[in-house]
N, C-alpha and C. Protein backbone atom coordinates (compact mmCIF):
# COMPACT_ATOMS: atom_id res chain seq x y z
N MET A 1 -16.75 0.32 4.15
CA MET A 1 -16.55 -0.21 2.75
C MET A 1 -14.92 -1.10 3.06
N ARG A 2 -15.29 -2.14 2.46
CA ARG A 2 -14.37 -3.08 2.77
C ARG A 2 -13.22 -2.76 1.40
N GLN A 3 -11.97 -2.87 1.82
CA GLN A 3 -10.93 -2.50 1.17
C GLN A 3 -9.33 -3.00 1.49
N GLY A 4 -9.47 -3.84 0.75
CA GLY A 4 -8.00 -4.96 1.20
C GLY A 4 -6.34 -4.31 0.86
N GLY A 5 -6.44 -3.27 -0.04
CA GLY A 5 -5.44 -2.80 0.07
C GLY A 5 -4.03 -3.77 -1.46
N PRO A 6 -3.44 -2.58 -1.83
CA PRO A 6 -2.85 -3.19 -2.95
C PRO A 6 -1.45 -3.68 -2.90
N CYS A 7 -1.12 -3.96 -1.60
CA CYS A 7 0.47 -4.71 -1.39
C CYS A 7 0.13 -6.49 -1.53
N LEU A 8 1.16 -7.06 -0.82
CA LEU A 8 0.67 -8.83 -1.80
C LEU A 8 0.88 -9.83 -0.34
N SER A 9 0.71 -9.08 0.68
CA SER A 9 0.54 -9.71 1.92
C SER A 9 -0.56 -10.78 1.75
N ASN A 10 -1.38 -11.49 2.96
CA ASN A 10 -2.54 -12.10 2.57
C ASN A 10 -2.46 -12.52 4.27
N ILE A 11 -3.44 -11.30 5.11
CA ILE A 11 -3.37 -11.33 6.53
C ILE A 11 -4.75 -11.40 6.90
N PRO A 12 -5.33 -12.39 7.35
CA PRO A 12 -6.76 -12.63 7.92
C PRO A 12 -7.39 -11.47 8.85
N MET A 13 -7.89 -10.65 8.35
CA MET A 13 -8.66 -9.27 8.79
C MET A 13 -10.35 -9.19 8.89
N PHE A 14 -10.86 -8.89 9.56
CA PHE A 14 -12.45 -8.58 9.92
C PHE A 14 -12.75 -7.05 10.07
N TYR A 15 -14.04 -6.98 9.23
CA TYR A 15 -14.18 -5.31 8.38
C TYR A 15 -15.75 -5.70 9.23
N TYR A 16 -16.42 -4.55 9.56
CA TYR A 16 -17.74 -3.67 10.08
C TYR A 16 -18.19 -3.83 9.09
N ASP A 17 -19.35 -4.50 8.50
CA ASP A 17 -20.36 -4.34 7.35
C ASP A 17 -21.81 -3.95 7.67
N PRO A 18 -22.20 -2.37 7.51
CA PRO A 18 -23.16 -2.04 8.39
C PRO A 18 -24.46 -2.64 7.51
N ARG A 19 -24.86 -3.09 6.58
CA ARG A 19 -25.73 -3.47 6.12
C ARG A 19 -26.36 -4.83 6.52
N TYR A 20 -25.56 -5.70 6.76
CA TYR A 20 -25.58 -6.75 7.96
C TYR A 20 -25.62 -6.97 8.96
N ARG A 21 -25.12 -5.80 9.89
CA ARG A 21 -25.00 -5.50 11.03
C ARG A 21 -24.32 -6.50 11.73
N THR A 22 -22.83 -6.41 11.31
CA THR A 22 -22.18 -7.93 11.49
C THR A 22 -20.67 -7.64 11.33
N CYS A 23 -19.53 -8.16 11.38
CA CYS A 23 -18.43 -8.62 11.11
C CYS A 23 -17.82 -9.28 10.31
N ARG A 24 -17.49 -9.02 8.83
CA ARG A 24 -17.08 -9.77 8.16
C ARG A 24 -15.49 -10.55 8.01
N HIS A 25 -15.05 -11.39 7.76
CA HIS A 25 -13.74 -11.84 7.23
C HIS A 25 -13.55 -11.24 6.29
N PHE A 26 -11.99 -10.69 5.37
CA PHE A 26 -11.27 -10.25 4.39
C PHE A 26 -9.89 -10.52 4.48
N ILE A 27 -9.15 -10.65 3.43
CA ILE A 27 -7.84 -10.75 3.64
C ILE A 27 -7.06 -9.45 2.99
N TYR A 28 -6.58 -9.00 3.73
CA TYR A 28 -5.82 -7.51 4.26
C TYR A 28 -4.41 -7.94 3.12
N ARG A 29 -4.20 -6.88 1.99
CA ARG A 29 -2.73 -7.03 1.64
C ARG A 29 -1.78 -6.21 2.32
N GLY A 30 -2.03 -5.58 3.51
CA GLY A 30 -0.58 -5.46 4.44
C GLY A 30 -0.64 -3.99 4.07
N CYS A 31 -1.10 -2.92 3.17
CA CYS A 31 -0.80 -1.58 3.27
C CYS A 31 -2.57 -1.23 2.34
N GLY A 32 -2.42 -0.05 2.88
CA GLY A 32 -3.48 0.98 1.74
C GLY A 32 -4.92 0.30 2.54
N GLY A 33 -6.08 0.53 2.39
CA GLY A 33 -7.08 0.03 2.65
C GLY A 33 -7.61 1.41 3.87
N ASN A 34 -8.39 0.80 4.68
CA ASN A 34 -9.24 2.08 5.51
C ASN A 34 -8.84 1.42 6.77
N ASN A 35 -9.92 2.22 7.82
CA ASN A 35 -9.68 2.18 9.17
C ASN A 35 -10.51 1.54 9.62
N ASN A 36 -11.78 0.42 8.72
CA ASN A 36 -12.79 -0.50 9.01
C ASN A 36 -12.01 -1.62 8.94
N ARG A 37 -11.20 -2.44 9.76
CA ARG A 37 -9.77 -3.40 9.47
C ARG A 37 -9.50 -3.77 11.19
N PHE A 38 -10.00 -4.88 11.39
CA PHE A 38 -9.20 -5.55 12.61
C PHE A 38 -9.23 -6.75 12.79
N SER A 39 -8.41 -7.12 13.76
CA SER A 39 -7.42 -8.61 13.41
C SER A 39 -8.28 -9.63 14.31
N SER A 40 -9.08 -9.47 14.88
CA SER A 40 -10.36 -10.54 15.58
C SER A 40 -11.71 -9.74 15.29
N LYS A 41 -12.79 -10.90 14.92
CA LYS A 41 -14.19 -10.75 14.70
C LYS A 41 -14.48 -10.35 16.16
N GLU A 42 -14.35 -10.48 17.22
CA GLU A 42 -14.53 -9.67 18.92
C GLU A 42 -14.02 -8.26 18.62
N GLU A 43 -12.60 -8.49 18.48
CA GLU A 43 -12.43 -6.91 18.19
C GLU A 43 -13.37 -5.91 17.33
N CYS A 44 -13.62 -6.72 16.02
CA CYS A 44 -14.44 -5.37 15.18
C CYS A 44 -15.46 -5.28 16.48
N MET A 45 -16.51 -6.78 16.79
CA MET A 45 -18.01 -6.26 17.53
C MET A 45 -17.51 -5.23 18.42
N SER A 46 -16.80 -5.49 19.33
CA SER A 46 -16.39 -4.79 20.43
C SER A 46 -16.67 -2.98 19.89
N GLU A 47 -15.60 -2.87 18.67
CA GLU A 47 -15.85 -1.62 18.42
C GLU A 47 -16.98 -0.92 17.64
N CYS A 48 -17.25 -1.63 16.76
CA CYS A 48 -18.38 -1.28 16.07
C CYS A 48 -19.64 -2.03 15.87
N GLY A 49 -20.12 -3.21 16.66
CA GLY A 49 -21.06 -3.82 17.00
C GLY A 49 -22.22 -3.47 17.51
N GLU A 50 -23.52 -3.57 17.41
CA GLU A 50 -24.79 -2.93 17.66
C GLU A 50 -25.41 -3.31 18.91
N GLU A 51 -25.49 -3.27 20.55
CA GLU A 51 -26.51 -3.88 21.00
C GLU A 51 -28.07 -3.07 20.96
N ASP A 52 -28.50 -4.86 21.48
CA ASP A 52 -29.88 -3.92 21.33
C ASP A 52 -30.55 -3.08 20.08
N SER A 53 -29.91 -3.57 18.63
CA SER A 53 -30.35 -3.10 17.91
C SER A 53 -31.77 -2.83 17.56
N GLU A 54 -32.44 -4.22 17.96
CA GLU A 54 -33.83 -4.15 17.26
C GLU A 54 -34.96 -3.14 18.28
N GLU A 55 -34.39 -3.01 19.33
CA GLU A 55 -35.46 -1.45 20.13
C GLU A 55 -35.06 -0.46 19.55
N SER A 56 -33.55 -0.41 19.45
CA SER A 56 -33.06 1.01 18.82
C SER A 56 -33.99 1.30 17.05
N GLU A 57 -33.88 0.07 16.51
CA GLU A 57 -34.60 0.79 15.03
C GLU A 57 -36.09 0.91 15.62
N GLU A 58 -36.76 -0.15 16.11
CA GLU A 58 -38.19 0.58 16.55
C GLU A 58 -38.54 1.77 16.69
N GLU A 59 -37.57 2.28 17.87
CA GLU A 59 -37.77 3.80 18.36
C GLU A 59 -37.59 4.53 17.19
N GLU A 60 -36.58 4.44 16.28
CA GLU A 60 -36.31 5.26 15.14
C GLU A 60 -37.43 5.26 14.30
N GLU A 61 -37.92 3.99 13.98
CA GLU A 61 -38.91 4.09 13.21
C GLU A 61 -40.28 5.09 13.36
N PHE A 62 -40.73 5.53 14.61
CA PHE A 62 -41.59 6.75 15.12
C PHE A 62 -40.51 7.69 15.35
N THR A 63 -39.45 8.03 15.20
CA THR A 63 -39.31 9.18 15.74
C THR A 63 -38.46 10.37 14.74
N ASP A 64 -38.92 11.12 14.41
CA ASP A 64 -38.57 12.07 13.38
C ASP A 64 -36.92 12.24 13.37
N PRO A 65 -36.18 11.66 12.14
CA PRO A 65 -34.91 12.15 12.30
C PRO A 65 -34.52 13.60 12.54
N CYS A 66 -34.78 14.38 12.02
CA CYS A 66 -34.50 15.92 12.00
C CYS A 66 -34.62 15.92 13.61
N THR A 67 -35.19 15.45 14.96
CA THR A 67 -35.33 15.80 16.17
C THR A 67 -34.23 14.78 16.87
N LEU A 68 -33.65 14.30 16.28
CA LEU A 68 -32.75 13.26 16.56
C LEU A 68 -31.08 14.19 16.81
N PRO A 69 -30.25 13.76 17.66
CA PRO A 69 -28.94 14.03 17.76
C PRO A 69 -28.05 13.65 16.86
N MET A 70 -27.07 14.54 16.48
CA MET A 70 -26.31 14.33 15.38
C MET A 70 -25.43 13.29 16.36
N VAL A 71 -24.86 11.76 15.60
CA VAL A 71 -24.06 10.95 16.23
C VAL A 71 -23.26 10.35 15.08
N LYS A 72 -21.90 10.70 15.28
CA LYS A 72 -20.70 10.12 14.76
C LYS A 72 -20.70 8.77 14.73
N GLY A 73 -20.92 8.02 15.15
CA GLY A 73 -20.63 6.84 15.41
C GLY A 73 -19.35 6.67 16.01
N PHE A 74 -19.19 4.55 16.05
CA PHE A 74 -17.97 4.73 16.89
C PHE A 74 -16.92 3.45 16.21
N CYS A 75 -17.09 3.61 14.63
CA CYS A 75 -15.92 2.91 13.81
C CYS A 75 -14.97 3.78 13.03
N ARG A 76 -13.93 3.52 12.93
CA ARG A 76 -13.12 4.20 12.32
C ARG A 76 -12.56 4.75 11.13
N ASN A 77 -13.51 4.40 10.48
CA ASN A 77 -14.11 5.46 8.95
C ASN A 77 -14.41 6.83 9.25
N GLU A 78 -13.88 7.55 8.74
CA GLU A 78 -14.53 9.10 8.71
C GLU A 78 -14.81 9.51 7.00
N VAL A 79 -16.79 9.49 7.10
CA VAL A 79 -16.84 9.54 5.88
C VAL A 79 -17.48 11.31 6.35
N TRP A 80 -17.71 12.40 5.09
CA TRP A 80 -18.45 13.55 5.36
C TRP A 80 -19.98 13.23 4.96
N ARG A 81 -20.71 13.49 5.57
CA ARG A 81 -22.29 13.81 5.80
C ARG A 81 -23.01 14.85 6.21
N TRP A 82 -23.94 14.98 6.29
CA TRP A 82 -25.13 16.28 6.45
C TRP A 82 -26.06 15.76 7.88
N TYR A 83 -25.80 16.02 8.79
CA TYR A 83 -26.84 16.46 9.90
C TYR A 83 -28.09 17.31 9.88
N TYR A 84 -28.68 17.40 10.44
CA TYR A 84 -30.13 18.22 11.08
C TYR A 84 -30.10 19.06 12.04
N ASP A 85 -29.30 20.47 12.58
CA ASP A 85 -29.43 20.86 13.67
C ASP A 85 -30.24 21.52 14.25
N PHE A 86 -31.18 20.54 15.15
CA PHE A 86 -32.26 21.15 15.74
C PHE A 86 -32.12 22.47 16.26
N ASP A 87 -31.36 22.74 17.04
CA ASP A 87 -31.24 23.85 17.76
C ASP A 87 -30.84 25.29 17.08
N THR A 88 -30.46 25.06 15.90
CA THR A 88 -30.20 26.25 14.59
C THR A 88 -30.87 26.09 13.48
N TYR A 89 -31.72 24.88 13.35
CA TYR A 89 -32.73 24.80 12.13
C TYR A 89 -31.79 24.73 10.91
N ARG A 90 -30.82 24.32 10.93
CA ARG A 90 -29.80 24.15 9.70
C ARG A 90 -29.39 22.63 9.47
N CYS A 91 -28.78 22.09 8.27
CA CYS A 91 -28.17 21.47 8.08
C CYS A 91 -26.29 21.42 7.87
N LYS A 92 -25.98 20.72 8.96
CA LYS A 92 -24.47 21.11 9.40
C LYS A 92 -23.98 19.62 8.51
N ARG A 93 -22.53 20.14 8.06
CA ARG A 93 -21.14 18.69 8.11
C ARG A 93 -21.43 18.16 9.19
N PHE A 94 -20.70 16.87 9.31
CA PHE A 94 -20.19 16.05 10.29
C PHE A 94 -19.35 14.97 9.43
N LYS A 95 -18.31 14.52 10.56
CA LYS A 95 -17.68 13.23 10.16
C LYS A 95 -18.38 11.69 10.50
N TYR A 96 -18.74 11.30 9.82
CA TYR A 96 -19.71 9.95 10.43
C TYR A 96 -18.80 8.72 9.80
N THR A 97 -18.49 7.59 11.34
CA THR A 97 -17.67 6.49 11.16
C THR A 97 -17.87 5.48 10.81
N GLY A 98 -19.14 5.65 10.05
CA GLY A 98 -19.41 4.07 9.09
C GLY A 98 -20.22 3.21 10.08
N CYS A 99 -20.34 3.51 10.89
CA CYS A 99 -21.57 2.77 11.76
C CYS A 99 -22.04 3.12 13.63
N LEU A 100 -23.37 2.53 13.72
CA LEU A 100 -23.91 2.98 15.21
C LEU A 100 -24.15 4.61 15.15
N GLY A 101 -24.54 4.91 13.67
CA GLY A 101 -25.52 6.16 13.92
C GLY A 101 -26.75 6.35 14.26
N ASN A 102 -27.70 7.06 13.24
CA ASN A 102 -29.00 7.31 13.89
C ASN A 102 -29.56 7.59 12.47
N ALA A 103 -30.95 8.15 12.17
CA ALA A 103 -31.45 8.89 10.96
C ALA A 103 -30.93 9.67 10.97
N ASN A 104 -30.79 10.64 11.69
CA ASN A 104 -30.06 11.81 11.07
C ASN A 104 -28.54 11.94 10.73
N ASN A 105 -28.63 11.41 9.54
CA ASN A 105 -27.49 10.66 9.06
C ASN A 105 -27.69 11.02 7.38
N PHE A 106 -27.24 12.20 6.63
CA PHE A 106 -27.53 12.13 5.55
C PHE A 106 -26.97 12.32 4.21
N ALA A 107 -26.63 11.93 3.15
CA ALA A 107 -25.52 11.66 2.03
C ALA A 107 -25.17 13.06 1.63
N THR A 108 -26.45 14.17 1.46
CA THR A 108 -26.04 15.39 0.42
C THR A 108 -27.07 16.44 1.23
N TYR A 109 -26.48 17.55 1.28
CA TYR A 109 -27.13 18.95 1.89
C TYR A 109 -28.70 18.68 0.92
N ARG A 110 -29.06 18.12 -0.10
CA ARG A 110 -30.38 18.23 -0.71
C ARG A 110 -31.31 17.44 0.23
N GLU A 111 -30.22 16.35 0.37
CA GLU A 111 -31.90 15.36 0.89
C GLU A 111 -31.92 15.86 2.32
N CYS A 112 -30.88 15.81 3.41
CA CYS A 112 -31.08 16.36 4.84
C CYS A 112 -32.09 17.75 4.48
N ALA A 113 -31.77 18.96 3.79
CA ALA A 113 -33.02 19.96 3.45
C ALA A 113 -34.20 19.60 2.81
N SER A 114 -34.55 18.34 2.10
CA SER A 114 -35.24 18.54 1.80
C SER A 114 -36.02 17.69 2.71
N LYS A 115 -35.69 16.85 3.50
CA LYS A 115 -36.47 16.12 4.96
C LYS A 115 -36.64 16.98 6.19
N CYS A 116 -35.61 18.06 6.27
CA CYS A 116 -35.77 18.45 7.53
C CYS A 116 -36.22 20.06 7.72
N LEU A 117 -36.05 20.86 7.00
CA LEU A 117 -36.31 22.32 6.32
C LEU A 117 -37.54 22.77 5.69
N GLU A 118 -38.17 23.32 6.86
CA GLU A 118 -39.06 24.06 6.15
C GLU A 118 -39.34 24.99 5.09
N GLU A 119 -40.66 24.61 4.00
CA GLU A 119 -40.48 25.75 2.98
C GLU A 119 -41.61 26.73 2.73
């Protein structure tokens, strides 16, 4: 999520937009905001960009997300999410960094449980 901050500076920066899988330009105000902030597009893509995303997407389409490992990602955000731990047969919380995760990543416990826990 892009957050410019509350101050009055006008610093050109880049943030990673997972929806479009690219880094986008924004004006940082100099304070506040979050860690999804980079001084260049190259730095942003190096930290968060996806390589061979078409292949990995195709593989995940045919893979049960509940059998995938937990992946924290490689960006700088920290958002609490849920994943299914295949070894313990439980949904567990983890801190997701906002990009480069996989399909074993759920917004709520209920979503994880409904997808992965047998009734």
